[in-house]
Amino acid sequence: MQAEQVQITDVTYNAMSQRFEALVTVRDAGAVRRYPCAVPAPITLPLRDAAGALRRQALRRARRGQSIGTRVVPAPAARRPSAPTPAHGLLRKSA
């Protein structure tokens, strides 16, 4: 994989299993793959370190082609900024 983009969503700490958990999205080669990841760590681990471990776990799975728990969807095409909606002129202006 080259030039992959990684997005980590909703990092939580599961006190019962003592793990940081998150849904990690990997975008590469026109595909989007989502991996549910969990890394064992104490709650005192800085969030930056936990996020790095979650990212590494998702990239390892992507490189190995592990598809359990993943969903492949086409990457969305780039969108142009939209024109103002008709309701835009109806907004109340403050005095």
Protein backbone atom coordinates (compact mmCIF):
# COMPACT_ATOMS: atom_id res chain seq x y z
CA MET A 1 0.00 0.00 0.00
CA GLN A 2 1.22 3.44 -0.81
CA ALA A 3 -0.12 6.86 0.13
CA GLU A 4 -2.85 5.51 2.36
CA GLN A 5 -4.92 7.94 4.39
CA VAL A 6 -6.01 6.92 7.87
CA GLN A 7 -8.88 8.33 9.92
CA ILE A 8 -9.58 7.24 13.49
CA THR A 9 -13.13 7.70 14.74
CA ASP A 10 -14.48 7.74 18.30
CA VAL A 11 -11.62 6.40 20.39
CA THR A 12 -13.03 4.94 23.59
CA TYR A 13 -11.54 3.10 26.55
CA ASN A 14 -13.13 -0.21 27.50
CA ALA A 15 -12.40 -0.55 31.20
CA MET A 16 -13.67 -4.14 31.31
CA SER A 17 -11.13 -5.39 28.76
CA GLN A 18 -8.59 -2.60 29.47
CA ARG A 19 -8.33 -1.66 25.80
CA PHE A 20 -8.55 1.45 23.66
CA GLU A 21 -11.05 0.83 20.85
CA ALA A 22 -11.90 2.70 17.65
CA LEU A 23 -13.15 2.37 14.12
CA VAL A 24 -10.22 3.07 11.80
CA THR A 25 -10.81 3.97 8.14
CA VAL A 26 -8.04 3.35 5.60
CA ARG A 27 -8.39 4.97 2.16
CA ASP A 28 -6.13 3.70 -0.61
CA ALA A 29 -6.26 2.81 -4.30
CA GLY A 30 -9.82 4.07 -4.71
CA ALA A 31 -11.21 1.96 -1.87
CA VAL A 32 -12.30 2.68 1.67
CA ARG A 33 -11.81 -0.04 4.28
CA ARG A 34 -12.97 0.19 7.88
CA TYR A 35 -11.38 -1.84 10.65
CA PRO A 36 -12.67 -2.18 14.21
CA CYS A 37 -9.45 -2.02 16.24
CA ALA A 38 -8.58 -2.53 19.89
CA VAL A 39 -5.23 -2.29 21.63
CA PRO A 40 -4.52 -3.40 25.20
CA ALA A 41 -3.23 -0.54 27.35
CA PRO A 42 -3.71 1.10 30.73
CA ILE A 43 -6.11 4.05 30.88
CA THR A 44 -3.12 6.25 31.76
CA LEU A 45 -1.66 5.80 28.25
CA PRO A 46 -1.74 9.17 26.45
CA LEU A 47 -4.42 9.32 23.75
CA ARG A 48 -1.79 10.19 21.12
CA ASP A 49 0.04 6.90 21.86
CA ALA A 50 -3.22 4.91 21.81
CA ALA A 51 -4.20 6.48 18.47
CA GLY A 52 -0.80 5.58 17.02
CA ALA A 53 -1.20 1.95 18.12
CA LEU A 54 -4.73 1.79 16.65
CA ARG A 55 -3.44 3.26 13.36
CA ARG A 56 -0.59 0.73 13.17
CA GLN A 57 -3.01 -2.14 13.84
CA ALA A 58 -5.35 -1.05 11.03
CA LEU A 59 -2.48 -0.61 8.56
CA ARG A 60 -1.12 -4.08 9.44
CA ARG A 61 -4.54 -5.59 8.74
CA ALA A 62 -4.84 -3.66 5.48
CA ARG A 63 -1.41 -4.80 4.29
CA ARG A 64 -2.15 -8.43 5.18
CA GLY A 65 -5.46 -8.28 3.34
CA GLN A 66 -7.41 -9.22 6.44
CA SER A 67 -10.96 -8.47 5.56
CA ILE A 68 -12.83 -9.81 8.57
CA GLY A 69 -14.91 -6.98 9.93
CA THR A 70 -14.19 -4.67 7.01
CA ARG A 71 -16.39 -3.16 4.36
CA VAL A 72 -15.00 -2.01 1.01
CA VAL A 73 -16.83 0.89 -0.60
CA PRO A 74 -15.77 3.02 -3.56
CA ALA A 75 -14.06 6.24 -2.59
CA PRO A 76 -16.35 9.25 -3.18
CA ALA A 77 -15.48 11.56 -6.06
CA ALA A 78 -14.25 15.03 -5.19
CA ARG A 79 -17.15 17.42 -4.75
CA ARG A 80 -17.34 21.07 -5.68
CA PRO A 81 -18.62 23.53 -3.11
CA SER A 82 -22.36 23.84 -3.51
CA ALA A 83 -24.22 27.06 -4.21
CA PRO A 84 -26.16 28.65 -1.33
CA THR A 85 -29.47 26.95 -0.70
CA PRO A 86 -32.76 28.81 -1.24
CA ALA A 87 -33.22 28.92 2.54
CA HIS A 88 -29.97 30.88 2.85
CA GLY A 89 -31.78 34.19 2.22
CA LEU A 90 -34.44 33.34 4.82
CA LEU A 91 -32.06 33.37 7.76
CA ARG A 92 -32.80 36.13 10.26
CA LYS A 93 -30.11 38.76 10.44
CA SER A 94 -29.23 39.96 13.92
CA ALA A 95 -29.64 43.67 14.59
